[in-house]
C-alpha atoms as a PDB file:
ATOM      1  CA  MET A   1      35.387  39.002  16.991  1.00  0.00           C
ATOM      2  CA  LYS A   2      34.271  41.693  14.578  1.00  0.00           C
ATOM      3  CA  LYS A   3      36.833  44.140  13.345  1.00  0.00           C
ATOM      4  CA  LYS A   4      36.519  47.658  14.660  1.00  0.00           C
ATOM      5  CA  LYS A   5      35.800  50.162  11.906  1.00  0.00           C
ATOM      6  CA  ASN A   6      37.424  53.571  11.505  1.00  0.00           C
ATOM      7  CA  VAL A   7      34.437  55.923  11.694  1.00  0.00           C
ATOM      8  CA  SER A   8      36.263  59.240  11.651  1.00  0.00           C
ATOM      9  CA  GLN A   9      35.114  59.999   8.102  1.00  0.00           C
ATOM     10  CA  ILE A  10      31.693  58.341   8.240  1.00  0.00           C
ATOM     11  CA  ALA A  11      28.600  60.519   8.061  1.00  0.00           C
ATOM     12  CA  THR A  12      25.953  59.573  10.618  1.00  0.00           C
ATOM     13  CA  ILE A  13      22.311  60.406  11.040  1.00  0.00           C
ATOM     14  CA  THR A  14      22.961  63.477  13.200  1.00  0.00           C
ATOM     15  CA  THR A  15      21.050  65.794  10.911  1.00  0.00           C
ATOM     16  CA  THR A  16      20.257  69.420  10.262  1.00  0.00           C
ATOM     17  CA  THR A  17      16.727  69.899   8.935  1.00  0.00           C
ATOM     18  CA  ILE A  18      15.993  72.442   6.209  1.00  0.00           C
ATOM     19  CA  THR A  19      13.282  74.863   7.309  1.00  0.00           C
ATOM     20  CA  THR A  20      13.376  77.495   4.591  1.00  0.00           C
ATOM     21  CA  ALA A  21      10.402  78.279   2.374  1.00  0.00           C
ATOM     22  CA  VAL A  22       9.938  76.781  -1.047  1.00  0.00           C
ATOM     23  CA  GLU A  23      12.225  78.286  -3.673  1.00  0.00           C
ATOM     24  CA  THR A  24      11.098  78.427  -7.293  1.00  0.00           C
ATOM     25  CA  THR A  25      14.365  79.559  -8.851  1.00  0.00           C
ATOM     26  CA  GLU A  26      15.657  76.966 -11.273  1.00  0.00           C
ATOM     27  CA  ALA A  27      19.198  75.813 -10.648  1.00  0.00           C
ATOM     28  CA  ALA A  28      21.695  75.259 -13.418  1.00  0.00           C
ATOM     29  CA  THR A  29      22.300  71.621 -14.277  1.00  0.00           C
ATOM     30  CA  THR A  30      25.367  69.826 -15.475  1.00  0.00           C
ATOM     31  CA  THR A  31      23.844  66.495 -16.440  1.00  0.00           C
ATOM     32  CA  GLU A  32      23.527  65.302 -20.002  1.00  0.00           C
ATOM     33  CA  GLU A  33      20.225  66.056 -21.716  1.00  0.00           C
ATOM     34  CA  LEU A  34      17.826  63.140 -22.057  1.00  0.00           C
ATOM     35  CA  SER A  35      16.710  62.413 -25.590  1.00  0.00           C
ATOM     36  CA  PHE A  36      12.929  62.330 -25.283  1.00  0.00           C
ATOM     37  CA  THR A  37      12.397  64.617 -28.301  1.00  0.00           C
ATOM     38  CA  SER A  38      10.597  61.896 -30.237  1.00  0.00           C
ATOM     39  CA  VAL A  39       7.636  62.032 -27.861  1.00  0.00           C
ATOM     40  CA  SER A  40       7.927  65.593 -26.594  1.00  0.00           C
ATOM     41  CA  ASN A  41       4.770  66.723 -28.371  1.00  0.00           C
ATOM     42  CA  ASN A  42       2.673  64.488 -26.140  1.00  0.00           C
ATOM     43  CA  ASN A  43       4.429  65.381 -22.870  1.00  0.00           C
ATOM     44  CA  TYR A  44       4.318  61.771 -21.744  1.00  0.00           C
ATOM     45  CA  LEU A  45       5.901  58.446 -22.646  1.00  0.00           C
ATOM     46  CA  LYS A  46       4.300  55.354 -24.144  1.00  0.00           C
ATOM     47  CA  TRP A  47       5.806  51.899 -24.502  1.00  0.00           C
ATOM     48  CA  LYS A  48       5.415  49.023 -26.939  1.00  0.00           C
ATOM     49  CA  LEU A  49       3.701  46.459 -24.747  1.00  0.00           C
ATOM     50  CA  ASP A  50       3.568  43.823 -27.486  1.00  0.00           C
ATOM     51  CA  SER A  51       7.327  43.684 -28.041  1.00  0.00           C
ATOM     52  CA  SER A  52       8.972  43.384 -24.643  1.00  0.00           C
ATOM     53  CA  ILE A  53      12.574  42.174 -24.487  1.00  0.00           C
ATOM     54  CA  VAL A  54      14.134  40.080 -21.714  1.00  0.00           C
ATOM     55  CA  VAL A  55      17.516  41.725 -21.180  1.00  0.00           C
ATOM     56  CA  ALA A  56      18.609  39.674 -18.166  1.00  0.00           C
ATOM     57  CA  GLN A  57      17.410  36.333 -16.874  1.00  0.00           C
ATOM     58  CA  GLY A  58      18.676  33.285 -15.079  1.00  0.00           C
ATOM     59  CA  PRO A  59      18.082  30.537 -12.533  1.00  0.00           C
ATOM     60  CA  ALA A  60      17.429  31.642  -8.981  1.00  0.00           C
ATOM     61  CA  GLU A  61      20.219  29.519  -7.523  1.00  0.00           C
ATOM     62  CA  ASP A  62      22.954  31.102  -9.657  1.00  0.00           C
ATOM     63  CA  SER A  63      24.615  34.077  -7.976  1.00  0.00           C
ATOM     64  CA  TYR A  64      25.349  35.800 -11.281  1.00  0.00           C
ATOM     65  CA  TYR A  65      21.792  35.848 -12.565  1.00  0.00           C
ATOM     66  CA  VAL A  66      18.593  37.720 -11.779  1.00  0.00           C
ATOM     67  CA  SER A  67      16.859  36.648  -8.590  1.00  0.00           C
ATOM     68  CA  ARG A  68      15.572  38.514  -5.560  1.00  0.00           C
ATOM     69  CA  VAL A  69      16.575  41.828  -7.063  1.00  0.00           C
ATOM     70  CA  ARG A  70      15.876  44.938  -5.002  1.00  0.00           C
ATOM     71  CA  GLY A  71      17.418  47.911  -6.828  1.00  0.00           C
ATOM     72  CA  ILE A  72      18.261  48.653 -10.460  1.00  0.00           C
ATOM     73  CA  TYR A  73      20.313  51.349 -12.187  1.00  0.00           C
ATOM     74  CA  ILE A  74      20.787  51.798 -15.939  1.00  0.00           C
ATOM     75  CA  ASP A  75      24.149  53.223 -17.040  1.00  0.00           C
ATOM     76  CA  ASP A  76      23.667  54.291 -20.661  1.00  0.00           C
ATOM     77  CA  ASP A  77      27.286  55.355 -21.098  1.00  0.00           C
ATOM     78  CA  ASN A  78      28.677  51.923 -20.222  1.00  0.00           C
ATOM     79  CA  GLN A  79      25.664  49.965 -21.512  1.00  0.00           C
ATOM     80  CA  THR A  80      25.446  48.260 -18.134  1.00  0.00           C
ATOM     81  CA  ILE A  81      22.531  47.335 -15.892  1.00  0.00           C
ATOM     82  CA  TYR A  82      23.413  47.312 -12.193  1.00  0.00           C
ATOM     83  CA  ILE A  83      21.228  45.290  -9.826  1.00  0.00           C
ATOM     84  CA  THR A  84      21.354  44.588  -6.095  1.00  0.00           C
ATOM     85  CA  ARG A  85      20.757  40.960  -5.105  1.00  0.00           C
ATOM     86  CA  HIS A  86      19.907  40.875  -1.444  1.00  0.00           C
ATOM     87  CA  ASN A  87      19.934  37.090  -1.086  1.00  0.00           C
ATOM     88  CA  SER A  88      23.499  36.735  -2.406  1.00  0.00           C
ATOM     89  CA  ASN A  89      24.738  39.990  -0.832  1.00  0.00           C
ATOM     90  CA  ARG A  90      26.234  41.495  -3.956  1.00  0.00           C
ATOM     91  CA  VAL A  91      25.808  44.011  -6.753  1.00  0.00           C
ATOM     92  CA  ILE A  92      25.868  42.592 -10.267  1.00  0.00           C
ATOM     93  CA  GLY A  93      26.831  44.487 -13.398  1.00  0.00           C
ATOM     94  CA  TRP A  94      25.133  43.097 -16.492  1.00  0.00           C
ATOM     95  CA  LYS A  95      26.417  44.315 -19.850  1.00  0.00           C
ATOM     96  CA  VAL A  96      23.639  44.750 -22.402  1.00  0.00           C
ATOM     97  CA  GLY A  97      23.688  41.777 -24.763  1.00  0.00           C
ATOM     98  CA  GLU A  98      25.633  39.470 -22.436  1.00  0.00           C
ATOM     99  CA  GLU A  99      24.225  36.158 -21.199  1.00  0.00           C
ATOM    100  CA  SER A 100      25.228  36.690 -17.572  1.00  0.00           C
ATOM    101  CA  GLY A 101      26.476  39.373 -15.247  1.00  0.00           C
ATOM    102  CA  GLU A 102      29.482  39.707 -12.986  1.00  0.00           C
ATOM    103  CA  THR A 103      29.914  40.724  -9.375  1.00  0.00           C
ATOM    104  CA  VAL A 104      31.037  44.343  -9.074  1.00  0.00           C
ATOM    105  CA  ALA A 105      30.606  44.773  -5.298  1.00  0.00           C
ATOM    106  CA  GLY A 106      30.269  42.339  -2.410  1.00  0.00           C
ATOM    107  CA  GLY A 107      29.902  38.649  -3.112  1.00  0.00           C
ATOM    108  CA  ASN A 108      32.112  37.701  -0.179  1.00  0.00           C
ATOM    109  CA  GLY A 109      29.337  36.315   1.962  1.00  0.00           C
ATOM    110  CA  PRO A 110      27.088  38.255   4.347  1.00  0.00           C
ATOM    111  CA  GLY A 111      28.887  40.387   6.897  1.00  0.00           C
ATOM    112  CA  ASP A 112      29.952  43.863   7.935  1.00  0.00           C
ATOM    113  CA  ASP A 113      33.572  43.845   6.819  1.00  0.00           C
ATOM    114  CA  LEU A 114      34.344  46.496   4.228  1.00  0.00           C
ATOM    115  CA  ASN A 115      34.560  43.923   1.433  1.00  0.00           C
ATOM    116  CA  GLN A 116      31.129  42.526   2.304  1.00  0.00           C
ATOM    117  CA  LEU A 117      27.501  43.515   1.840  1.00  0.00           C
ATOM    118  CA  GLN A 118      24.427  42.288   3.660  1.00  0.00           C
ATOM    119  CA  ASP A 119      20.986  42.581   2.086  1.00  0.00           C
ATOM    120  CA  PRO A 120      21.827  45.483  -0.272  1.00  0.00           C
ATOM    121  CA  SER A 121      18.651  47.296  -1.307  1.00  0.00           C
ATOM    122  CA  ASP A 122      19.633  49.823  -3.981  1.00  0.00           C
ATOM    123  CA  VAL A 123      22.500  51.155  -6.083  1.00  0.00           C
ATOM    124  CA  THR A 124      23.324  54.277  -8.077  1.00  0.00           C
ATOM    125  CA  VAL A 125      26.423  55.553  -9.880  1.00  0.00           C
ATOM    126  CA  ASP A 126      28.591  58.587  -9.168  1.00  0.00           C
ATOM    127  CA  LYS A 127      29.861  59.015 -12.726  1.00  0.00           C
ATOM    128  CA  LYS A 128      32.159  61.923 -11.927  1.00  0.00           C
ATOM    129  CA  ASN A 129      34.167  59.837  -9.464  1.00  0.00           C
ATOM    130  CA  ASP A 130      33.450  56.462 -11.116  1.00  0.00           C
ATOM    131  CA  LEU A 131      31.886  55.018  -7.963  1.00  0.00           C
ATOM    132  CA  LEU A 132      29.026  52.704  -7.120  1.00  0.00           C
ATOM    133  CA  ILE A 133      26.924  54.074  -4.243  1.00  0.00           C
ATOM    134  CA  ILE A 134      25.150  51.222  -2.461  1.00  0.00           C
ATOM    135  CA  CYS A 135      22.489  51.020   0.241  1.00  0.00           C
ATOM    136  CA  ASP A 136      23.928  48.236   2.405  1.00  0.00           C
ATOM    137  CA  GLN A 137      20.678  47.828   4.279  1.00  0.00           C
ATOM    138  CA  GLY A 138      21.557  44.841   6.428  1.00  0.00           C
ATOM    139  CA  ASN A 139      24.584  46.689   7.800  1.00  0.00           C
ATOM    140  CA  ASP A 140      22.791  50.022   8.344  1.00  0.00           C
ATOM    141  CA  ARG A 141      25.159  51.938   6.105  1.00  0.00           C
ATOM    142  CA  VAL A 142      25.739  53.477   2.680  1.00  0.00           C
ATOM    143  CA  VAL A 143      28.991  52.444   1.019  1.00  0.00           C
ATOM    144  CA  GLN A 144      30.960  53.378  -2.074  1.00  0.00           C
ATOM    145  CA  TRP A 145      32.877  50.975  -4.322  1.00  0.00           C
ATOM    146  CA  SER A 146      35.200  51.935  -7.132  1.00  0.00           C
ATOM    147  CA  ARG A 147      34.087  50.788 -10.576  1.00  0.00           C
ATOM    148  CA  ARG A 148      37.712  50.604 -11.706  1.00  0.00           C
ATOM    149  CA  ASN A 149      38.499  47.908  -9.161  1.00  0.00           C
ATOM    150  CA  GLN A 150      36.892  46.384  -6.099  1.00  0.00           C
ATOM    151  CA  THR A 151      39.533  47.514  -3.645  1.00  0.00           C
ATOM    152  CA  ASP A 152      39.199  50.073  -0.880  1.00  0.00           C
ATOM    153  CA  PRO A 153      35.404  50.265  -0.429  1.00  0.00           C
ATOM    154  CA  LYS A 154      34.385  52.966   2.015  1.00  0.00           C
ATOM    155  CA  VAL A 155      31.471  53.669   4.358  1.00  0.00           C
ATOM    156  CA  ILE A 156      30.146  57.160   3.598  1.00  0.00           C
ATOM    157  CA  ILE A 157      27.015  57.165   5.799  1.00  0.00           C
ATOM    158  CA  GLY A 158      26.713  55.036   8.914  1.00  0.00           C
ATOM    159  CA  GLU A 159      23.929  54.147  11.341  1.00  0.00           C
ATOM    160  CA  ILE A 160      21.159  54.458   8.771  1.00  0.00           C
ATOM    161  CA  LYS A 161      18.343  52.063   7.893  1.00  0.00           C
ATOM    162  CA  CYS A 162      18.590  52.860   4.190  1.00  0.00           C
ATOM    163  CA  GLN A 163      16.219  51.690   1.491  1.00  0.00           C
ATOM    164  CA  GLY A 164      16.694  53.748  -1.690  1.00  0.00           C
ATOM    165  CA  VAL A 165      19.586  55.860  -2.969  1.00  0.00           C
ATOM    166  CA  THR A 166      19.980  58.325  -5.828  1.00  0.00           C
ATOM    167  CA  ILE A 167      22.313  61.130  -6.874  1.00  0.00           C
ATOM    168  CA  ASP A 168      21.618  64.594  -8.300  1.00  0.00           C
ATOM    169  CA  ASN A 169      23.350  66.700 -10.945  1.00  0.00           C
ATOM    170  CA  ASN A 170      25.787  68.101  -8.378  1.00  0.00           C
ATOM    171  CA  GLY A 171      26.856  64.665  -7.203  1.00  0.00           C
ATOM    172  CA  ASP A 172      24.971  65.009  -3.904  1.00  0.00           C
ATOM    173  CA  ILE A 173      23.655  61.704  -2.563  1.00  0.00           C
ATOM    174  CA  TYR A 174      20.067  61.204  -1.342  1.00  0.00           C
ATOM    175  CA  VAL A 175      18.981  58.255   0.793  1.00  0.00           C
ATOM    176  CA  SER A 176      15.547  57.169   2.036  1.00  0.00           C
ATOM    177  CA  GLU A 177      15.683  56.117   5.670  1.00  0.00           C
ATOM    178  CA  GLY A 178      13.231  53.817   7.445  1.00  0.00           C
ATOM    179  CA  LYS A 179      14.121  54.478  11.069  1.00  0.00           C
ATOM    180  CA  THR A 180      13.590  58.250  10.963  1.00  0.00           C
ATOM    181  CA  HIS A 181      11.075  58.068   8.078  1.00  0.00           C
ATOM    182  CA  SER A 182      12.970  60.639   6.080  1.00  0.00           C
ATOM    183  CA  VAL A 183      15.076  61.380   3.027  1.00  0.00           C
ATOM    184  CA  ILE A 184      18.545  62.676   3.823  1.00  0.00           C
ATOM    185  CA  ARG A 185      21.168  64.307   1.625  1.00  0.00           C
ATOM    186  CA  LEU A 186      24.953  64.101   1.751  1.00  0.00           C
ATOM    187  CA  LYS A 187      26.644  66.851  -0.238  1.00  0.00           C
ATOM    188  CA  GLN A 188      29.886  66.083  -2.010  1.00  0.00           C
ATOM    189  CA  GLY A 189      32.881  66.754   0.185  1.00  0.00           C
ATOM    190  CA  GLU A 190      30.840  66.821   3.398  1.00  0.00           C
ATOM    191  CA  THR A 191      30.471  64.261   6.178  1.00  0.00           C
ATOM    192  CA  GLU A 192      27.216  65.384   7.830  1.00  0.00           C
ATOM    193  CA  VAL A 193      23.823  64.691   6.304  1.00  0.00           C
ATOM    194  CA  THR A 194      20.799  66.978   6.072  1.00  0.00           C
ATOM    195  CA  THR A 195      17.137  65.978   6.239  1.00  0.00           C
ATOM    196  CA  VAL A 196      15.397  67.159   3.062  1.00  0.00           C
ATOM    197  CA  ALA A 197      12.041  65.338   3.334  1.00  0.00           C
ATOM    198  CA  GLY A 198      10.091  63.966   6.291  1.00  0.00           C
ATOM    199  CA  GLY A 199      11.921  63.365   9.538  1.00  0.00           C
ATOM    200  CA  LYS A 200       8.864  64.272  11.609  1.00  0.00           C
ATOM    201  CA  GLY A 201       8.081  60.739  12.695  1.00  0.00           C
ATOM    202  CA  SER A 202       6.015  58.187  10.785  1.00  0.00           C
ATOM    203  CA  GLY A 203       2.612  59.416   9.698  1.00  0.00           C
ATOM    204  CA  TYR A 204       0.307  60.625   6.975  1.00  0.00           C
ATOM    205  CA  ASN A 205       0.618  64.390   7.334  1.00  0.00           C
ATOM    206  CA  SER A 206       2.109  66.406   4.485  1.00  0.00           C
ATOM    207  CA  ASN A 207       5.373  66.895   6.402  1.00  0.00           C
ATOM    208  CA  GLN A 208       5.733  63.189   7.227  1.00  0.00           C
ATOM    209  CA  LEU A 209       6.792  59.975   5.539  1.00  0.00           C
ATOM    210  CA  ASN A 210       6.098  56.392   6.543  1.00  0.00           C
ATOM    211  CA  ASN A 211       8.801  53.892   5.615  1.00  0.00           C
ATOM    212  CA  PRO A 212       9.887  55.551   2.354  1.00  0.00           C
ATOM    213  CA  ALA A 213      11.210  53.170  -0.301  1.00  0.00           C
ATOM    214  CA  TYR A 214      12.684  54.319  -3.602  1.00  0.00           C
ATOM    215  CA  ILE A 215      13.376  57.929  -4.528  1.00  0.00           C
ATOM    216  CA  PHE A 216      14.205  60.125  -7.511  1.00  0.00           C
ATOM    217  CA  VAL A 217      15.635  63.658  -7.788  1.00  0.00           C
ATOM    218  CA  ASP A 218      14.914  65.672 -10.944  1.00  0.00           C
ATOM    219  CA  ASP A 219      16.841  68.475 -12.655  1.00  0.00           C
ATOM    220  CA  GLN A 220      15.187  71.105 -10.426  1.00  0.00           C
ATOM    221  CA  TYR A 221      16.154  69.111  -7.309  1.00  0.00           C
ATOM    222  CA  SER A 222      12.580  68.124  -6.499  1.00  0.00           C
ATOM    223  CA  ILE A 223      12.475  64.811  -4.638  1.00  0.00           C
ATOM    224  CA  TYR A 224       9.942  62.123  -5.538  1.00  0.00           C
ATOM    225  CA  VAL A 225       9.323  59.566  -2.795  1.00  0.00           C
ATOM    226  CA  SER A 226       7.632  56.192  -3.025  1.00  0.00           C
ATOM    227  CA  ASP A 227       6.176  56.276   0.489  1.00  0.00           C
ATOM    228  CA  TYR A 228       5.670  52.561   0.893  1.00  0.00           C
ATOM    229  CA  GLN A 229       3.863  52.192   4.216  1.00  0.00           C
ATOM    230  CA  SER A 230       1.509  55.142   3.721  1.00  0.00           C
ATOM    231  CA  GLY A 231       0.554  53.936   0.253  1.00  0.00           C
ATOM    232  CA  ARG A 232       1.321  57.148  -1.599  1.00  0.00           C
ATOM    233  CA  VAL A 233       3.839  58.983  -3.735  1.00  0.00           C
ATOM    234  CA  THR A 234       4.920  62.476  -2.713  1.00  0.00           C
ATOM    235  CA  LYS A 235       6.889  65.231  -4.392  1.00  0.00           C
ATOM    236  CA  TRP A 236       9.047  67.594  -2.348  1.00  0.00           C
ATOM    237  CA  ILE A 237      10.051  70.751  -4.200  1.00  0.00           C
ATOM    238  CA  LYS A 238      13.559  71.988  -3.404  1.00  0.00           C
ATOM    239  CA  ASN A 239      13.748  73.319   0.176  1.00  0.00           C
ATOM    240  CA  ALA A 240      10.061  72.561   0.852  1.00  0.00           C
ATOM    241  CA  LYS A 241       8.922  71.760   4.379  1.00  0.00           C
ATOM    242  CA  GLU A 242       5.991  69.675   3.148  1.00  0.00           C
ATOM    243  CA  GLY A 243       5.436  67.230   0.332  1.00  0.00           C
ATOM    244  CA  ILE A 244       2.746  67.239  -2.337  1.00  0.00           C
ATOM    245  CA  ILE A 245       0.763  64.013  -2.694  1.00  0.00           C
ATOM    246  CA  ILE A 246       0.751  63.049  -6.370  1.00  0.00           C
ATOM    247  CA  ALA A 247      -0.684  59.531  -5.996  1.00  0.00           C
ATOM    248  CA  LYS A 248      -2.133  57.498  -3.159  1.00  0.00           C
ATOM    249  CA  GLU A 249      -3.808  54.167  -2.512  1.00  0.00           C
ATOM    250  CA  ARG A 250      -7.481  54.345  -3.361  1.00  0.00           C
ATOM    251  CA  PHE A 251      -9.919  51.856  -4.839  1.00  0.00           C
ATOM    252  CA  THR A 252     -12.010  53.612  -7.479  1.00  0.00           C
ATOM    253  CA  ASP A 253     -14.454  52.584 -10.174  1.00  0.00           C
ATOM    254  CA  ASN A 254     -12.031  53.430 -12.958  1.00  0.00           C
ATOM    255  CA  ASN A 255      -9.238  51.485 -11.230  1.00  0.00           C
ATOM    256  CA  GLN A 256      -6.647  54.183 -11.952  1.00  0.00           C
ATOM    257  CA  GLU A 257      -5.339  54.933  -8.466  1.00  0.00           C
ATOM    258  CA  LEU A 258      -2.607  53.093  -6.598  1.00  0.00           C
ATOM    259  CA  HIS A 259      -3.740  49.894  -4.909  1.00  0.00           C
ATOM    260  CA  TYR A 260      -0.953  47.881  -3.349  1.00  0.00           C
ATOM    261  CA  PHE A 261       2.144  49.376  -1.779  1.00  0.00           C
ATOM    262  CA  PRO A 262       4.016  51.783  -4.103  1.00  0.00           C
ATOM    263  CA  PHE A 263       7.576  50.553  -4.507  1.00  0.00           C
ATOM    264  CA  GLY A 264       9.791  51.180  -7.548  1.00  0.00           C
ATOM    265  CA  MET A 265      10.098  54.745  -8.822  1.00  0.00           C
ATOM    266  CA  ALA A 266      11.076  56.450 -12.073  1.00  0.00           C
ATOM    267  CA  VAL A 267      10.494  59.973 -13.419  1.00  0.00           C
ATOM    268  CA  ASP A 268      10.751  61.028 -17.054  1.00  0.00           C
ATOM    269  CA  HIS A 269      12.055  64.208 -18.687  1.00  0.00           C
ATOM    270  CA  PHE A 270       8.586  65.789 -18.560  1.00  0.00           C
ATOM    271  CA  GLY A 271       8.142  65.341 -14.800  1.00  0.00           C
ATOM    272  CA  ASN A 272       5.758  62.389 -15.066  1.00  0.00           C
ATOM    273  CA  ALA A 273       6.222  59.818 -12.311  1.00  0.00           C
ATOM    274  CA  TYR A 274       5.966  56.044 -12.716  1.00  0.00           C
ATOM    275  CA  VAL A 275       5.485  53.706  -9.768  1.00  0.00           C
ATOM    276  CA  SER A 276       5.422  49.925  -9.494  1.00  0.00           C
ATOM    277  CA  GLU A 277       2.992  48.275  -7.090  1.00  0.00           C
ATOM    278  CA  LEU A 278       4.737  45.607  -5.076  1.00  0.00           C
ATOM    279  CA  LEU A 279       1.678  43.366  -4.674  1.00  0.00           C
ATOM    280  CA  GLY A 280      -0.483  44.639  -7.515  1.00  0.00           C
ATOM    281  CA  SER A 281       1.670  43.614 -10.488  1.00  0.00           C
ATOM    282  CA  ARG A 282       0.972  46.971 -12.100  1.00  0.00           C
ATOM    283  CA  ILE A 283       2.827  50.106 -13.061  1.00  0.00           C
ATOM    284  CA  VAL A 284       0.912  53.322 -12.515  1.00  0.00           C
ATOM    285  CA  GLY A 285       1.809  56.710 -13.960  1.00  0.00           C
ATOM    286  CA  TRP A 286       1.138  60.242 -12.750  1.00  0.00           C
ATOM    287  CA  SER A 287       0.887  63.011 -15.317  1.00  0.00           C
ATOM    288  CA  GLU A 288       2.581  66.314 -14.525  1.00  0.00           C
ATOM    289  CA  LYS A 289       0.299  67.982 -17.076  1.00  0.00           C
ATOM    290  CA  SER A 290      -3.107  66.610 -16.019  1.00  0.00           C
ATOM    291  CA  LYS A 291      -2.200  65.884 -12.366  1.00  0.00           C
ATOM    292  CA  GLU A 292      -3.955  62.528 -12.690  1.00  0.00           C
ATOM    293  CA  CYS A 293      -2.997  58.871 -12.347  1.00  0.00           C
ATOM    294  CA  TYR A 294      -3.320  56.302 -15.097  1.00  0.00           C
ATOM    295  CA  VAL A 295      -2.412  52.632 -15.445  1.00  0.00           C
ATOM    296  CA  ILE A 296       0.660  52.128 -17.632  1.00  0.00           C
ATOM    297  CA  MET A 297       0.615  48.343 -17.771  1.00  0.00           C
ATOM    298  CA  ASN A 298      -0.785  45.339 -15.918  1.00  0.00           C
ATOM    299  CA  GLY A 299       1.314  42.278 -15.320  1.00  0.00           C
ATOM    300  CA  GLY A 300      -0.199  38.996 -14.199  1.00  0.00           C
ATOM    301  CA  SER A 301      -1.090  37.024 -11.117  1.00  0.00           C
ATOM    302  CA  TRP A 302       0.807  34.500  -9.059  1.00  0.00           C
ATOM    303  CA  GLU A 303      -1.569  31.748 -10.254  1.00  0.00           C
ATOM    304  CA  GLN A 304      -1.287  32.293 -14.003  1.00  0.00           C
ATOM    305  CA  PRO A 305       1.742  33.135 -16.134  1.00  0.00           C
ATOM    306  CA  PRO A 306       1.552  36.813 -17.073  1.00  0.00           C
ATOM    307  CA  TYR A 307       1.928  38.346 -20.469  1.00  0.00           C
ATOM    308  CA  LEU A 308       4.216  41.105 -19.225  1.00  0.00           C
ATOM    309  CA  PHE A 309       5.519  40.412 -15.693  1.00  0.00           C
ATOM    310  CA  ALA A 310       4.580  39.313 -12.178  1.00  0.00           C
ATOM    311  CA  ALA A 311       5.865  40.320  -8.752  1.00  0.00           C
ATOM    312  CA  VAL A 312       7.084  43.621 -10.159  1.00  0.00           C
ATOM    313  CA  GLY A 313       9.915  45.230  -8.206  1.00  0.00           C
ATOM    314  CA  ALA A 314      12.157  48.162  -9.015  1.00  0.00           C
ATOM    315  CA  ILE A 315      11.816  50.047 -12.310  1.00  0.00           C
ATOM    316  CA  SER A 316      14.110  52.388 -14.234  1.00  0.00           C
ATOM    317  CA  LEU A 317      14.270  54.479 -17.416  1.00  0.00           C
ATOM    318  CA  ASP A 318      17.241  54.770 -19.728  1.00  0.00           C
ATOM    319  CA  ARG A 319      18.320  57.867 -21.643  1.00  0.00           C
ATOM    320  CA  GLU A 320      15.956  57.182 -24.529  1.00  0.00           C
ATOM    321  CA  GLY A 321      12.947  56.584 -22.298  1.00  0.00           C
ATOM    322  CA  ASN A 322      12.903  52.778 -22.527  1.00  0.00           C
ATOM    323  CA  LEU A 323      11.430  51.196 -19.396  1.00  0.00           C
ATOM    324  CA  TYR A 324      13.150  48.402 -17.441  1.00  0.00           C
ATOM    325  CA  VAL A 325      11.089  46.304 -15.022  1.00  0.00           C
ATOM    326  CA  VAL A 326      12.388  43.841 -12.436  1.00  0.00           C
ATOM    327  CA  ASP A 327      10.230  40.702 -12.529  1.00  0.00           C
ATOM    328  CA  ASN A 328      11.105  38.754  -9.401  1.00  0.00           C
ATOM    329  CA  PHE A 329       8.601  35.972 -10.095  1.00  0.00           C
ATOM    330  CA  PHE A 330      10.328  34.863 -13.292  1.00  0.00           C
ATOM    331  CA  HIS A 331      13.819  36.024 -12.269  1.00  0.00           C
ATOM    332  CA  ARG A 332      14.323  38.466 -15.116  1.00  0.00           C
ATOM    333  CA  ILE A 333      14.533  42.085 -16.177  1.00  0.00           C
ATOM    334  CA  VAL A 334      12.138  43.073 -18.938  1.00  0.00           C
ATOM    335  CA  LYS A 335      12.728  46.033 -21.250  1.00  0.00           C
ATOM    336  CA  PHE A 336       9.846  47.871 -22.921  1.00  0.00           C
ATOM    337  CA  ASP A 337      10.903  50.058 -25.837  1.00  0.00           C
ATOM    338  CA  VAL A 338       9.533  53.577 -25.954  1.00  0.00           C
ATOM    339  CA  ASP A 339       6.801  54.021 -28.566  1.00  0.00           C
ATOM    340  CA  VAL A 340       7.641  57.005 -30.773  1.00  0.00           C
ATOM    341  CA  ASN A 341       4.433  56.790 -32.823  1.00  0.00           C
END
C-alpha cells in the first residue's frame, strides 16, 4: 500500500492566469553578471568546433555515468554539472574534472515516496536556499532536495505533468506543463501557481502552446519556450498574453530554420536563443539583433559516427558562454569553448 502524502503545503495546478498588458519597464536584478565581455562587440557567441572537450562520459549500464540524460544544469560556483537520468531515476552531480558523478537526489528505485524519483526530466538550482529543484515527471510533481544533505525532500508543486524547470533572479520557479500546455510560476513563499504562458489548450495560436519542453527566463523576466509539439520556439515578454514566434519548423533552401522537434534551450547574455533539435542532430540559433535563425553546429547521423555529437538532447551555457551538449547516442556531455577571436 502506498503511503499517504501530506499535501497541505503542496502547490497544485489550480491557477490564476495573468491577463495584464505587456509591461516594458525593466526590473532590477540580483543575479551575478555573466562575463560575455570578450564577445560583446559581436552581440552573439561563437564556439570552437574543432576543440570540443568530453566533460562527462560513461557506460550506459552504470548508474553514475551519462546515459539517457534529460535535463542539465551548470553550477559555475560549485564547478558541478547536474544531470537528470530518467532510466535510473536519479539526479547526478558531476564535479568538473572528476571521472564519475555521484547521486545527489533519488537513486532509491522508481516510486513516489519522498526519497524516490521516477523519470525525472529536468533540474535547476535555488542557490539562495541551496536546493535542487527537480521535475519528477513520472510522479507528476516538482520536488526540492537539499544540496547539503539528501534528507527531508519536499513536494512543492503537485498534480503537474512537468517537463522543464528554471528559476529567475527572484527565486521564483517556472515549470513547463504538458497536460495544460502552459508554463506556470511559483513565487517564493507562496503555495499557489500562476499561469504565465499558454494555458489556452494545445494549439498553434500565439496565445497557445503545444507540449512545451524546456524553458528559460532572462533578466527581464521574458520566458523562452521550446514548444516541442508545435515545432517552434516562442518568447513571452513579462506579463504578455501572447508569445512571439522566434523560430519554427520550416524546410527552406538555405536550411537555416528548425527542422525536427525543438528540445533543449539556452539563452545568452545578449538575448540570443539556442535550441537543440531532438531528431535533427543540430543546434540552431536565433539572433536577437537580426531576428533570424542560423545553424550553430551539425552533429552526425545514427548510421555514421559524428564529428561533434549525435542524438542531441538538453543544452546549457556556463557563466563564460561555453556550451554544454548532452549526446545521448555516445553517452556523454560535450563542452564547446567560447571563441573569443
